Amino acid sequence: MSPLISNAELQAERRRYFVEAGGGISLPVAGAIYWIVLGVLGSRLESREWALAAAAGSGMIFPIGLLLQGPLNARFMKAKSPVGGAAIWSIVAINMLWPLHFVIMNLDPELVSLSLAIAMTLHWPVIGWSYDSKVAIAHAFARIAAASLIYYGLPDERLTLLPFALAGLYILAAAGMAAEVAWTRRKLGAYAPA
C-alpha cells in the first residue's frame, strides 16, 4: 500500500505552511514580553507571589501574539495546513500540566521558574516539525539547558536571570525563524505564499 503523501510532499507542505504563517514569530515575541515582565517582577516579589504572577500572566501570551501578527507580518492564524493541528494539540497538552504547576507552587514556589520554563517548552519540537524549522527545535534544547543551568548553578537568580535568559532565547528564536522564513521563501520561489 502506497502512502497518501510522500515525504517530499509532506516536507513541501510544512515549508509552505511555515512561510504562509510568517514563522508565527509574533508568538515568540509575545513569550519574550512575558518573560521580561517576570524578570522585572523577580526582583520585586517573593517566590510565591512571583509564581502566581507567572501563572496569571501566561494567559496573556497568546492574545499578545495575536495583536503582534500584523506588525510582525506573521499571520499564523490565517495560515491553514493539515500539519497545523499538531502544534495546536501540543499547546493543549502543555496546558494540561497546570495542576502539576499548582502543586509545585504550594510545595516549593522557587521550583515554579524551572517547571514553567520546561513545560512551556514542550510544544517547540512539535512546532519545529510542523514548520520544518530547525530554529524552533534548537530553541527547545537551548531553553531547557539554559533554564536548568541557571536554576541549579545560580539559585539566587532563579526569578530574575532565568526569565531574562528565556526572553533572550525567545528573541533569538523569533529572529532565527524570520531568517528561516526568508530563506525558505527564496527556496520555494514562485510557489511561496506572499
Protein backbone atom coordinates (compact mmCIF):
# COMPACT_ATOMS: atom_id res chain seq x y z
CA MET A 1 0.00 0.00 0.00
CA SER A 2 1.46 3.34 -1.01
CA PRO A 3 1.40 6.31 1.40
CA LEU A 4 -1.21 9.02 0.93
CA ILE A 5 1.54 11.62 0.68
CA SER A 6 5.24 11.26 0.00
CA ASN A 7 7.91 12.52 2.39
CA ALA A 8 8.88 15.17 -0.17
CA GLU A 9 5.26 16.37 -0.47
CA LEU A 10 4.91 16.47 3.32
CA GLN A 11 8.10 18.47 3.72
CA ALA A 12 6.99 20.86 0.97
CA GLU A 13 3.67 21.39 2.80
CA ARG A 14 5.44 22.04 6.10
CA ARG A 15 7.67 24.64 4.45
CA ARG A 16 4.75 26.27 2.66
CA TYR A 17 2.86 26.48 5.94
CA PHE A 18 5.90 27.99 7.68
CA VAL A 19 6.19 30.72 5.07
CA GLU A 20 2.45 31.43 5.00
CA ALA A 21 2.42 31.76 8.81
CA GLY A 22 5.42 34.09 8.75
CA GLY A 23 7.07 31.61 11.08
CA GLY A 24 4.49 32.51 13.70
CA ILE A 25 7.15 34.82 15.11
CA SER A 26 4.63 37.01 16.90
CA LEU A 27 4.22 34.24 19.49
CA PRO A 28 7.90 34.02 20.48
CA VAL A 29 7.96 37.82 20.69
CA ALA A 30 4.92 37.64 22.98
CA GLY A 31 6.72 34.97 25.01
CA ALA A 32 9.74 37.27 25.32
CA ILE A 33 7.49 40.04 26.65
CA TYR A 34 6.03 37.61 29.21
CA TRP A 35 9.45 36.51 30.45
CA ILE A 36 10.81 40.08 30.54
CA VAL A 37 7.91 41.09 32.79
CA LEU A 38 8.62 38.07 35.00
CA GLY A 39 12.30 39.03 35.18
CA VAL A 40 11.37 42.51 36.37
CA LEU A 41 8.89 41.07 38.88
CA GLY A 42 11.54 38.63 40.11
CA SER A 43 13.44 41.49 41.75
CA ARG A 44 10.28 42.82 43.42
CA LEU A 45 8.21 39.81 44.50
CA GLU A 46 8.68 36.87 46.83
CA SER A 47 8.74 33.47 45.13
CA ARG A 48 5.08 32.62 45.91
CA GLU A 49 3.81 35.95 44.53
CA TRP A 50 6.12 35.59 41.53
CA ALA A 51 4.72 32.11 40.85
CA LEU A 52 1.16 33.44 40.99
CA ALA A 53 2.07 36.29 38.63
CA ALA A 54 3.70 33.78 36.27
CA ALA A 55 0.57 31.61 36.28
CA ALA A 56 -1.78 34.54 35.72
CA GLY A 57 0.43 36.20 33.10
CA SER A 58 0.84 33.08 30.99
CA GLY A 59 -2.69 33.55 29.74
CA MET A 60 -1.62 36.78 28.06
CA ILE A 61 0.99 35.24 25.72
CA PHE A 62 -1.48 34.13 23.06
CA PRO A 63 -3.52 37.38 22.99
CA ILE A 64 -0.32 39.43 22.74
CA GLY A 65 0.83 37.14 19.93
CA LEU A 66 -2.46 37.76 18.14
CA LEU A 67 -2.02 41.53 18.47
CA LEU A 68 1.53 41.34 17.09
CA GLN A 69 0.60 39.29 13.99
CA GLY A 70 0.09 42.33 11.76
CA PRO A 71 3.06 44.44 12.84
CA LEU A 72 5.40 41.41 12.55
CA ASN A 73 3.82 40.09 9.32
CA ALA A 74 3.33 36.71 10.99
CA ARG A 75 -0.34 35.96 10.43
CA PHE A 76 -0.22 32.46 11.84
CA MET A 77 -3.98 32.39 12.47
CA LYS A 78 -4.71 32.87 8.76
CA ALA A 79 -2.27 30.16 7.69
CA LYS A 80 -4.00 26.84 7.19
CA SER A 81 -2.45 23.41 6.85
CA PRO A 82 -3.22 19.83 7.84
CA VAL A 83 0.07 19.79 9.78
CA GLY A 84 -1.00 22.81 11.84
CA GLY A 85 -3.23 20.71 14.08
CA ALA A 86 -0.22 19.00 15.64
CA ALA A 87 1.01 22.29 17.12
CA ILE A 88 -2.42 23.19 18.47
CA TRP A 89 -2.76 19.85 20.26
CA SER A 90 0.76 20.16 21.68
CA ILE A 91 -0.25 23.51 23.20
CA VAL A 92 -3.32 21.85 24.68
CA ALA A 93 -1.01 19.20 26.16
CA ILE A 94 1.28 21.72 27.89
CA ASN A 95 -1.75 23.40 29.43
CA MET A 96 -2.74 20.07 30.95
CA LEU A 97 0.31 20.47 33.22
CA TRP A 98 -1.22 23.37 35.18
CA PRO A 99 -2.48 21.16 38.02
CA LEU A 100 1.12 19.99 38.48
CA HIS A 101 2.42 23.59 38.48
CA PHE A 102 -0.07 24.49 41.20
CA VAL A 103 1.05 21.54 43.34
CA ILE A 104 4.65 22.64 42.85
CA MET A 105 3.66 26.22 43.70
CA ASN A 106 2.25 25.04 47.03
CA LEU A 107 5.20 22.78 47.87
CA ASP A 108 8.12 24.90 46.66
CA PRO A 109 7.33 28.13 44.77
CA GLU A 110 11.01 28.56 43.81
CA LEU A 111 10.67 25.46 41.63
CA VAL A 112 7.93 27.09 39.50
CA SER A 113 10.51 29.02 37.46
CA LEU A 114 12.03 25.74 36.28
CA SER A 115 8.74 23.86 35.90
CA LEU A 116 7.28 26.63 33.73
CA ALA A 117 10.48 27.07 31.74
CA ILE A 118 10.49 23.38 30.85
CA ALA A 119 6.74 22.78 30.49
CA MET A 120 6.25 25.85 28.30
CA THR A 121 8.97 24.46 26.01
CA LEU A 122 7.36 21.12 25.28
CA HIS A 123 5.44 22.31 22.23
CA TRP A 124 8.50 23.78 20.50
CA PRO A 125 9.74 20.49 18.92
CA VAL A 126 6.22 19.89 17.56
CA ILE A 127 6.08 23.44 16.18
CA GLY A 128 9.54 22.87 14.72
CA TRP A 129 8.31 19.73 13.00
CA SER A 130 5.11 21.41 11.76
CA TYR A 131 7.08 24.28 10.26
CA ASP A 132 10.15 22.24 9.29
CA SER A 133 12.06 24.77 11.43
CA LYS A 134 15.45 23.83 12.79
CA VAL A 135 15.49 27.05 14.81
CA ALA A 136 12.33 26.08 16.72
CA ILE A 137 13.80 22.70 17.62
CA ALA A 138 17.14 24.22 18.63
CA HIS A 139 15.27 26.75 20.77
CA ALA A 140 13.72 23.95 22.82
CA PHE A 141 17.08 22.36 23.62
CA ALA A 142 18.80 25.69 24.32
CA ARG A 143 15.97 26.80 26.56
CA ILE A 144 15.93 23.67 28.71
CA ALA A 145 19.72 23.78 29.02
CA ALA A 146 19.77 27.48 29.97
CA ALA A 147 16.88 27.16 32.44
CA SER A 148 18.46 24.12 34.11
CA LEU A 149 21.93 25.69 34.31
CA ILE A 150 20.62 28.91 35.83
CA TYR A 151 18.21 27.16 38.18
CA TYR A 152 20.88 24.84 39.62
CA GLY A 153 24.01 26.95 39.09
CA LEU A 154 22.72 30.37 40.14
CA PRO A 155 19.93 29.71 42.63
CA ASP A 156 19.78 33.35 43.76
CA GLU A 157 18.98 34.40 40.18
CA ARG A 158 16.10 31.99 39.54
CA LEU A 159 13.44 34.68 39.45
CA THR A 160 15.41 37.31 37.53
CA LEU A 161 18.22 35.94 35.36
CA LEU A 162 16.30 32.82 34.36
CA PRO A 163 13.33 34.79 32.93
CA PHE A 164 15.64 37.30 31.21
CA ALA A 165 17.68 34.45 29.68
CA LEU A 166 14.49 32.84 28.37
CA ALA A 167 13.32 36.17 26.96
CA GLY A 168 16.64 36.47 25.13
CA LEU A 169 16.27 32.97 23.73
CA TYR A 170 12.74 33.82 22.57
CA ILE A 171 14.04 36.91 20.75
CA LEU A 172 16.82 34.85 19.15
CA ALA A 173 14.24 32.23 18.12
CA ALA A 174 11.98 34.87 16.55
CA ALA A 175 14.91 36.40 14.65
CA GLY A 176 16.17 32.99 13.58
CA MET A 177 12.73 31.88 12.43
CA ALA A 178 12.28 35.13 10.49
CA ALA A 179 15.57 34.40 8.72
CA GLU A 180 14.45 30.82 8.10
CA VAL A 181 11.17 32.08 6.61
CA ALA A 182 13.08 34.40 4.26
CA TRP A 183 15.43 31.57 3.23
CA THR A 184 12.53 29.14 2.75
CA ARG A 185 10.57 31.72 0.75
CA ARG A 186 13.56 32.15 -1.59
CA LYS A 187 13.96 28.39 -1.88
CA LEU A 188 10.27 27.90 -2.70
CA GLY A 189 10.48 30.70 -5.26
CA ALA A 190 7.31 31.17 -7.25
CA TYR A 191 5.48 28.66 -5.05
CA ALA A 192 5.96 30.70 -1.87
CA PRO A 193 2.91 32.43 -0.40
CA ALA A 194 3.16 36.21 -0.38
